[in-house]
Amino acid sequence: MLFTKMDDSALFMVVSLMVVMATTHPADSQGVAMTPPMGWNSWNHFHCGGLNEAVVRQTADIILESGLAKAGYVYVNLDDCWQKSRNAAGEIVPDTEKFPNFTGMIQQIKLQGLKFGLYTDRGTFTCQHRPGSYSHEMVDAKTYASWGVEYVKNDD
């Protein structure tokens, strides 16, 4: 057996990569994506200020209405500050003040034909001192999959 044990961090990275690879644009006959994953990421404009569910839903609408989705810009990615804490089971908890219907928002984006992605960090905390994935890699991967997340940005 080549691998007998894979630590949670390595497994999280593999699962994250598999999610991205499985959801990128159609591949050519060589298995290469026709484009890189393209779309919108909240960080450059919002950082942590002003980012909320209404902004994300409006952004998804604009991506569709402007024709960007037809050009391949199909990802709506939330960077840092969407998460608030962990529950007793260790699962990541969205910031419900900013995102009162987090999973509903994800489902609406997907129903519009777009893809949804999230940011996490390999450390204990993100750059903005929100919960990171360290020692929670498996539970985070399962949680993200249950929400329908199709892209994970994992910072070091």
Protein backbone atom coordinates (compact mmCIF):
# COMPACT_ATOMS: atom_id res chain seq x y z
CA MET A 1 0.00 0.00 0.00
CA LEU A 2 1.48 3.33 -1.09
CA PHE A 3 -0.22 5.46 1.56
CA THR A 4 -1.11 4.10 4.94
CA LYS A 5 -2.08 7.37 6.61
CA MET A 6 -2.64 10.88 5.35
CA ASP A 7 -2.85 13.69 7.88
CA ASP A 8 -6.00 15.81 7.86
CA SER A 9 -4.21 18.81 6.37
CA ALA A 10 -2.95 16.85 3.37
CA LEU A 11 -6.31 15.16 2.90
CA PHE A 12 -8.09 18.54 3.02
CA MET A 13 -5.78 19.84 0.29
CA VAL A 14 -6.44 16.77 -1.87
CA VAL A 15 -10.22 17.04 -1.40
CA SER A 16 -10.08 20.78 -2.16
CA LEU A 17 -8.08 20.16 -5.33
CA MET A 18 -10.49 17.42 -6.40
CA VAL A 19 -13.46 19.77 -5.91
CA VAL A 20 -11.79 22.43 -8.06
CA MET A 21 -10.75 19.96 -10.74
CA ALA A 22 -14.21 18.40 -10.90
CA THR A 23 -15.96 21.73 -11.33
CA THR A 24 -13.75 23.73 -13.69
CA HIS A 25 -14.75 24.34 -17.28
CA PRO A 26 -14.95 21.45 -19.74
CA ALA A 27 -11.61 19.98 -20.66
CA ASP A 28 -10.16 19.47 -24.07
CA SER A 29 -9.20 15.98 -25.24
CA GLN A 30 -5.96 16.23 -23.23
CA GLY A 31 -7.83 16.80 -19.95
CA VAL A 32 -6.77 20.45 -19.73
CA ALA A 33 -9.37 23.05 -18.72
CA MET A 34 -10.25 25.41 -21.54
CA THR A 35 -9.96 28.32 -19.10
CA PRO A 36 -8.78 28.72 -15.53
CA PRO A 37 -11.50 29.00 -12.89
CA MET A 38 -12.81 32.54 -13.45
CA GLY A 39 -15.24 34.69 -11.54
CA TRP A 40 -15.57 37.17 -8.70
CA ASN A 41 -13.74 37.20 -5.36
CA SER A 42 -14.93 39.47 -2.58
CA TRP A 43 -11.53 40.38 -1.13
CA ASN A 44 -10.13 43.01 -3.49
CA HIS A 45 -13.05 45.37 -3.07
CA PHE A 46 -14.67 44.51 0.24
CA HIS A 47 -12.05 42.93 2.51
CA CYS A 48 -14.26 42.57 5.60
CA GLY A 49 -16.13 45.85 5.32
CA GLY A 50 -19.49 45.92 3.57
CA LEU A 51 -19.49 42.26 2.59
CA ASN A 52 -22.89 40.67 3.19
CA GLU A 53 -25.50 38.41 1.66
CA ALA A 54 -27.23 41.17 -0.31
CA VAL A 55 -23.92 42.18 -1.94
CA VAL A 56 -23.16 38.59 -2.89
CA ARG A 57 -26.62 37.98 -4.35
CA GLN A 58 -26.44 41.27 -6.30
CA THR A 59 -23.00 40.35 -7.60
CA ALA A 60 -24.30 37.00 -8.87
CA ASP A 61 -27.13 38.83 -10.66
CA ILE A 62 -24.68 41.28 -12.24
CA ILE A 63 -22.42 38.45 -13.44
CA LEU A 64 -25.41 36.98 -15.27
CA GLU A 65 -26.95 40.23 -16.54
CA SER A 66 -23.65 41.60 -17.84
CA GLY A 67 -22.84 38.51 -19.88
CA LEU A 68 -19.76 37.66 -17.84
CA ALA A 69 -21.08 34.17 -17.11
CA LYS A 70 -21.38 33.46 -20.84
CA ALA A 71 -17.71 34.46 -21.16
CA GLY A 72 -16.77 31.88 -18.51
CA TYR A 73 -16.81 33.99 -15.35
CA VAL A 74 -18.95 31.59 -13.34
CA TYR A 75 -17.48 31.56 -9.83
CA VAL A 76 -18.81 33.63 -6.94
CA ASN A 77 -16.12 33.31 -4.27
CA LEU A 78 -16.30 34.63 -0.73
CA ASP A 79 -12.94 35.44 0.74
CA ASP A 80 -12.25 36.04 4.44
CA CYS A 81 -14.91 37.26 6.89
CA TRP A 82 -17.83 35.02 5.92
CA GLN A 83 -17.13 32.74 8.91
CA LYS A 84 -17.69 33.58 12.56
CA SER A 85 -16.97 30.63 14.85
CA ARG A 86 -17.17 26.87 15.32
CA ASN A 87 -20.01 24.99 16.94
CA ALA A 88 -19.66 22.27 19.60
CA ALA A 89 -19.06 19.64 16.88
CA GLY A 90 -16.18 21.71 15.50
CA GLU A 91 -18.08 22.72 12.35
CA ILE A 92 -17.43 26.13 10.88
CA VAL A 93 -20.30 28.58 11.43
CA PRO A 94 -21.08 31.39 8.97
CA ASP A 95 -21.51 34.94 10.24
CA THR A 96 -25.32 35.00 10.36
CA GLU A 97 -25.40 38.76 10.95
CA LYS A 98 -23.84 39.31 7.52
CA PHE A 99 -25.30 36.17 5.91
CA PRO A 100 -28.68 35.36 7.49
CA ASN A 101 -29.49 32.65 4.92
CA PHE A 102 -26.02 31.41 4.01
CA THR A 103 -26.96 28.02 2.57
CA GLY A 104 -29.98 29.52 0.80
CA MET A 105 -27.66 32.08 -0.79
CA ILE A 106 -25.37 29.30 -2.02
CA GLN A 107 -28.29 27.34 -3.45
CA GLN A 108 -29.68 30.41 -5.23
CA ILE A 109 -26.29 31.11 -6.82
CA LYS A 110 -26.09 27.51 -8.01
CA LEU A 111 -29.68 27.59 -9.33
CA GLN A 112 -28.64 30.61 -11.40
CA GLY A 113 -26.05 28.38 -13.10
CA LEU A 114 -23.06 29.85 -11.26
CA LYS A 115 -20.57 28.14 -8.98
CA PHE A 116 -19.80 29.00 -5.38
CA GLY A 117 -16.47 29.11 -3.59
CA LEU A 118 -15.12 29.89 -0.13
CA TYR A 119 -11.88 30.96 1.47
CA THR A 120 -10.21 29.25 4.39
CA ASP A 121 -6.77 29.23 5.94
CA ARG A 122 -4.52 26.32 6.89
CA GLY A 123 -3.78 27.97 10.21
CA THR A 124 -5.76 28.21 13.41
CA PHE A 125 -7.05 31.61 12.32
CA THR A 126 -7.51 33.41 9.01
CA CYS A 127 -5.72 36.66 8.22
CA GLN A 128 -8.68 38.52 9.75
CA HIS A 129 -8.68 36.37 12.90
CA ARG A 130 -11.65 34.24 11.93
CA PRO A 131 -11.54 30.45 12.46
CA GLY A 132 -9.08 28.67 10.18
CA SER A 133 -9.08 25.01 9.19
CA TYR A 134 -6.12 23.77 11.25
CA SER A 135 -7.11 20.46 12.91
CA HIS A 136 -10.60 20.78 11.36
CA GLU A 137 -9.69 19.90 7.78
CA MET A 138 -11.94 16.85 7.45
CA VAL A 139 -14.95 18.40 9.13
CA ASP A 140 -14.53 21.56 7.00
CA ALA A 141 -14.28 19.53 3.77
CA LYS A 142 -17.45 17.64 4.69
CA THR A 143 -19.25 20.84 5.69
CA TYR A 144 -18.27 22.63 2.48
CA ALA A 145 -19.38 19.64 0.41
CA SER A 146 -22.73 19.51 2.23
CA TRP A 147 -23.27 23.19 1.42
CA GLY A 148 -22.48 22.62 -2.27
CA VAL A 149 -19.22 24.58 -2.30
CA GLU A 150 -17.42 24.02 -5.60
CA TYR A 151 -14.17 25.92 -5.02
CA VAL A 152 -11.98 26.29 -1.95
CA LYS A 153 -9.24 28.90 -1.65
CA ASN A 154 -6.90 27.64 1.05
CA ASP A 155 -4.31 30.18 2.23
CA ASP A 156 -1.17 29.28 4.12
